[in-house]
Amino acid sequence: MYLIRLDDAAEYMDILKWQKAVELINSFGVCPLIGVIPKCEDPDFVGKYEYNASFWDIARSWQEKGCIMALHGFKHTTKPAKGGLNPIHDRSEFVSLSLEEQKQKIRDGYNILIEQKIKPRVFFAPAHTFDKNTLLALKEETPIRIISDTIANNVYKVDDFFFLPCQQGKCRSLPFKFVTISLHPNEMSEDSFLSLEMFLKANGKNCIKSFKDLPLLERSLSFYDRLLRFLYFFLRKIKKLVR
């Protein structure tokens, strides 16, 4: 089963590419998971894209079409940080911050979305990085209990949170029970859109089509899940050394 995830929807974005991506996915009867940045201050976006005064209307229209909305951090600004529960990058908006600091970010971000009539059902952090305090902040400040991230073969649950594994940033088939494909419409080329279209033609019937389709499984991490995670991070370390 596949989940198409679109990262970095914000008031500063390439609206034409975003609309093209969402419309293409919707045309196959598939609804993506859309990560909304509540208060975008990322210089890579603010310095590149014009402010879009219609952004929240557009986001609400996506929600009305059945797209699954996610809280994607707060300002999308990161600092150097190592560790956390999913150390894919050495930078984060959350890792190493105190619980109170993280609660403030989560609370402010969540409230902005609610004020804009966006109901986030899922959370994922900028740079894929978060820690135990992030989860505790989510638990204390929001009703969100689904995380899109980490490496595993299938959806699993730890404490009160369901984790939807996110294993790749390309449109390709993988031999896992649940696969999230994380795409960034702002950065997509014509070849990327073609690849997405070809993937949907081949796999659209196996893609998540609504929030109700998410298989929220009451299962723990298996030995196979832990092995996949070990191998993934081991190979990343090898690649860094080779570079």
Protein backbone atom coordinates (compact mmCIF):
# COMPACT_ATOMS: atom_id res chain seq x y z
CA MET A 1 0.00 0.00 0.00
CA TYR A 2 1.29 3.45 -0.95
CA LEU A 3 0.77 6.90 0.55
CA ILE A 4 1.72 9.93 -1.55
CA ARG A 5 3.00 12.69 0.72
CA LEU A 6 3.50 16.29 -0.42
CA ASP A 7 5.82 18.41 1.72
CA ASP A 8 6.04 22.16 2.32
CA ALA A 9 2.67 23.69 1.47
CA ALA A 10 2.91 27.29 2.67
CA GLU A 11 2.13 30.90 1.93
CA TYR A 12 5.46 30.94 0.08
CA MET A 13 5.52 28.18 -2.55
CA ASP A 14 5.40 27.46 -6.29
CA ILE A 15 1.62 27.47 -6.55
CA LEU A 16 1.54 26.30 -10.19
CA LYS A 17 3.60 23.19 -9.41
CA TRP A 18 1.53 22.50 -6.30
CA GLN A 19 -1.76 22.74 -8.14
CA LYS A 20 -0.40 20.53 -10.91
CA ALA A 21 0.76 17.89 -8.41
CA VAL A 22 -2.50 17.79 -6.44
CA GLU A 23 -4.66 17.75 -9.58
CA LEU A 24 -2.59 14.97 -11.11
CA ILE A 25 -2.85 12.81 -7.99
CA ASN A 26 -6.58 13.53 -7.61
CA SER A 27 -7.18 12.57 -11.25
CA PHE A 28 -6.34 8.97 -10.30
CA GLY A 29 -8.80 9.00 -7.42
CA VAL A 30 -5.95 9.33 -4.93
CA CYS A 31 -5.78 11.91 -2.15
CA PRO A 32 -2.32 12.85 -0.92
CA LEU A 33 -1.09 13.67 2.56
CA ILE A 34 -0.29 17.40 2.48
CA GLY A 35 2.13 18.91 4.99
CA VAL A 36 1.19 22.51 5.80
CA ILE A 37 3.74 24.90 7.32
CA PRO A 38 1.70 27.13 9.66
CA LYS A 39 4.00 30.17 9.72
CA CYS A 40 6.66 29.76 7.07
CA GLU A 41 9.87 31.68 7.78
CA ASP A 42 12.25 29.37 5.94
CA PRO A 43 14.57 31.68 3.95
CA ASP A 44 14.72 29.12 1.13
CA PHE A 45 10.99 29.70 0.56
CA VAL A 46 10.48 33.31 1.66
CA GLY A 47 13.43 34.44 -0.42
CA LYS A 48 12.37 32.53 -3.51
CA TYR A 49 8.58 32.57 -3.82
CA GLU A 50 6.09 35.42 -3.70
CA TYR A 51 3.65 35.62 -0.80
CA ASN A 52 0.35 34.00 -1.78
CA ALA A 53 -2.60 35.75 -0.13
CA SER A 54 -4.91 32.98 -1.37
CA PHE A 55 -2.94 30.14 0.19
CA TRP A 56 -5.39 29.30 2.97
CA ASP A 57 -8.32 29.26 0.54
CA ILE A 58 -6.35 26.84 -1.63
CA ALA A 59 -5.46 24.65 1.37
CA ARG A 60 -9.12 24.51 2.41
CA SER A 61 -10.08 23.49 -1.13
CA TRP A 62 -7.60 20.60 -0.95
CA GLN A 63 -9.09 19.53 2.36
CA GLU A 64 -12.60 19.65 0.89
CA LYS A 65 -11.44 17.32 -1.90
CA GLY A 66 -10.44 14.75 0.71
CA CYS A 67 -6.72 15.41 0.93
CA ILE A 68 -5.27 14.41 4.32
CA MET A 69 -3.87 17.50 6.03
CA ALA A 70 -0.79 17.43 8.23
CA LEU A 71 0.91 19.83 10.63
CA HIS A 72 4.39 20.22 9.15
CA GLY A 73 6.38 21.81 11.95
CA PHE A 74 5.87 25.47 12.80
CA LYS A 75 8.15 27.90 10.92
CA HIS A 76 10.16 25.29 8.96
CA THR A 77 13.38 26.84 10.23
CA THR A 78 16.03 24.36 11.35
CA LYS A 79 19.25 24.46 13.32
CA PRO A 80 22.13 21.97 13.55
CA ALA A 81 21.05 19.05 15.74
CA LYS A 82 21.93 15.39 16.00
CA GLY A 83 20.02 12.45 17.34
CA GLY A 84 16.31 12.18 17.94
CA LEU A 85 14.01 9.34 17.00
CA ASN A 86 14.60 9.57 13.25
CA PRO A 87 18.10 11.06 12.69
CA ILE A 88 17.98 11.32 8.92
CA HIS A 89 19.55 14.81 8.89
CA ASP A 90 21.82 16.70 11.26
CA ARG A 91 19.39 19.60 11.52
CA SER A 92 15.98 20.04 13.09
CA GLU A 93 13.26 22.44 14.16
CA PHE A 94 12.59 20.32 17.26
CA VAL A 95 15.38 17.96 18.31
CA SER A 96 17.19 18.99 21.51
CA LEU A 97 14.71 21.75 22.40
CA SER A 98 13.08 21.66 25.83
CA LEU A 99 9.58 20.31 26.24
CA GLU A 100 8.20 23.79 26.91
CA GLU A 101 9.81 25.19 23.76
CA GLN A 102 8.40 22.37 21.69
CA LYS A 103 4.96 22.69 23.25
CA GLN A 104 4.93 26.36 22.28
CA LYS A 105 5.82 25.56 18.66
CA ILE A 106 3.30 22.75 18.40
CA ARG A 107 0.55 24.75 20.11
CA ASP A 108 1.08 27.86 17.98
CA GLY A 109 1.30 25.89 14.73
CA TYR A 110 -1.74 23.78 15.47
CA ASN A 111 -3.81 26.82 16.47
CA ILE A 112 -2.95 28.62 13.23
CA LEU A 113 -4.25 25.71 11.19
CA ILE A 114 -7.41 25.41 13.27
CA GLU A 115 -8.05 29.16 12.94
CA GLN A 116 -7.76 28.70 9.18
CA LYS A 117 -10.27 25.82 9.35
CA ILE A 118 -7.61 23.26 8.46
CA LYS A 119 -7.92 20.08 10.53
CA PRO A 120 -4.51 18.38 10.72
CA ARG A 121 -4.79 14.65 11.40
CA VAL A 122 -1.08 13.86 11.00
CA PHE A 123 2.24 15.41 12.00
CA PHE A 124 5.62 15.34 10.33
CA ALA A 125 8.64 17.45 11.16
CA PRO A 126 10.90 19.47 8.86
CA ALA A 127 13.99 17.45 7.90
CA HIS A 128 12.18 14.33 9.22
CA THR A 129 13.71 14.97 12.66
CA PHE A 130 11.95 14.94 16.02
CA ASP A 131 12.45 13.50 19.49
CA LYS A 132 10.49 12.23 22.49
CA ASN A 133 9.68 15.78 23.59
CA THR A 134 8.06 16.41 20.20
CA LEU A 135 5.71 13.49 20.75
CA LEU A 136 4.96 14.60 24.29
CA ALA A 137 4.24 18.14 23.04
CA LEU A 138 1.87 16.77 20.41
CA LYS A 139 0.13 14.66 23.02
CA GLU A 140 -0.33 17.54 25.45
CA GLU A 141 -1.22 20.27 22.93
CA THR A 142 -3.12 18.53 20.12
CA PRO A 143 -5.34 15.52 19.34
CA ILE A 144 -2.86 14.39 16.65
CA ARG A 145 -1.74 10.80 17.19
CA ILE A 146 -0.36 9.91 13.76
CA ILE A 147 3.24 10.52 12.68
CA SER A 148 4.39 10.31 9.06
CA ASP A 149 8.04 9.21 9.34
CA THR A 150 10.58 6.59 10.43
CA ILE A 151 11.70 3.44 8.66
CA ALA A 152 9.66 0.22 8.91
CA ASN A 153 7.95 -2.41 6.81
CA ASN A 154 4.46 -1.47 7.91
CA VAL A 155 2.43 0.90 10.06
CA TYR A 156 3.06 0.38 13.79
CA LYS A 157 2.14 1.87 17.14
CA VAL A 158 4.27 3.05 20.06
CA ASP A 159 2.48 4.28 23.16
CA ASP A 160 -0.39 6.41 21.83
CA PHE A 161 1.10 7.17 18.41
CA PHE A 162 0.67 5.40 15.07
CA PHE A 163 3.67 5.70 12.76
CA LEU A 164 3.29 5.70 8.99
CA PRO A 165 6.73 4.71 7.66
CA CYS A 166 8.28 7.10 5.15
CA GLN A 167 10.98 5.31 3.18
CA GLN A 168 11.64 7.24 0.00
CA GLY A 169 11.50 10.46 -1.99
CA LYS A 170 11.04 8.90 -5.42
CA CYS A 171 8.14 7.28 -7.25
CA ARG A 172 9.13 3.65 -7.33
CA SER A 173 7.79 0.34 -6.08
CA LEU A 174 9.27 -1.10 -2.91
CA PRO A 175 8.68 -4.57 -1.40
CA PHE A 176 7.20 -3.29 1.87
CA LYS A 177 3.65 -3.58 3.17
CA PHE A 178 3.26 0.20 3.59
CA VAL A 179 5.31 2.77 1.68
CA THR A 180 5.20 6.55 1.88
CA ILE A 181 6.61 8.49 -1.05
CA SER A 182 7.61 11.97 0.10
CA LEU A 183 7.57 14.51 -2.74
CA HIS A 184 8.35 18.23 -2.72
CA PRO A 185 6.25 19.93 -5.41
CA ASN A 186 8.33 23.12 -5.20
CA GLU A 187 11.31 21.16 -6.52
CA MET A 188 9.57 18.91 -9.04
CA SER A 189 10.73 18.94 -12.67
CA GLU A 190 8.81 17.83 -15.75
CA ASP A 191 10.52 14.47 -15.44
CA SER A 192 9.33 14.26 -11.81
CA PHE A 193 5.74 14.86 -12.86
CA LEU A 194 6.05 12.27 -15.61
CA SER A 195 7.47 9.78 -13.12
CA LEU A 196 4.58 10.49 -10.74
CA GLU A 197 2.03 10.00 -13.51
CA MET A 198 3.59 6.69 -14.60
CA PHE A 199 3.69 5.50 -10.98
CA LEU A 200 0.03 6.34 -10.45
CA LYS A 201 -0.95 4.56 -13.66
CA ALA A 202 0.79 1.43 -12.41
CA ASN A 203 0.00 1.67 -8.69
CA GLY A 204 -2.94 4.04 -8.24
CA LYS A 205 -5.25 1.22 -7.19
CA ASN A 206 -2.88 0.46 -4.30
CA CYS A 207 -2.62 4.06 -3.07
CA ILE A 208 -4.36 5.58 -0.06
CA LYS A 209 -7.49 7.34 -1.30
CA SER A 210 -8.78 8.88 1.93
CA PHE A 211 -8.04 9.19 5.62
CA LYS A 212 -10.31 6.22 6.27
CA ASP A 213 -8.00 4.05 4.16
CA LEU A 214 -5.05 4.49 6.51
CA PRO A 215 -4.33 1.09 8.12
CA LEU A 216 -3.79 2.21 11.72
CA LEU A 217 -2.47 -1.07 13.04
CA GLU A 218 -2.16 -1.96 16.71
CA ARG A 219 1.19 -3.65 16.25
CA SER A 220 4.69 -3.20 17.66
CA LEU A 221 7.92 -2.96 15.72
CA SER A 222 9.01 -6.39 14.52
CA PHE A 223 12.53 -7.74 14.19
CA TYR A 224 12.26 -7.12 10.43
CA ASP A 225 11.29 -3.47 11.04
CA ARG A 226 14.29 -2.98 13.32
CA LEU A 227 16.58 -4.65 10.80
CA LEU A 228 15.35 -2.36 8.01
CA ARG A 229 15.97 0.67 10.20
CA PHE A 230 19.47 -0.49 11.12
CA LEU A 231 20.39 -1.14 7.50
CA TYR A 232 18.95 2.18 6.34
CA PHE A 233 20.96 4.29 8.77
CA PHE A 234 24.06 2.11 8.37
CA LEU A 235 24.03 2.69 4.61
CA ARG A 236 23.51 6.43 5.10
CA LYS A 237 26.61 6.54 7.30
CA ILE A 238 28.62 4.65 4.67
CA LYS A 239 27.51 7.09 1.97
CA LYS A 240 28.57 10.05 4.11
CA LEU A 241 32.00 8.51 4.66
CA VAL A 242 32.42 7.85 0.94
CA ARG A 243 31.62 11.47 0.15
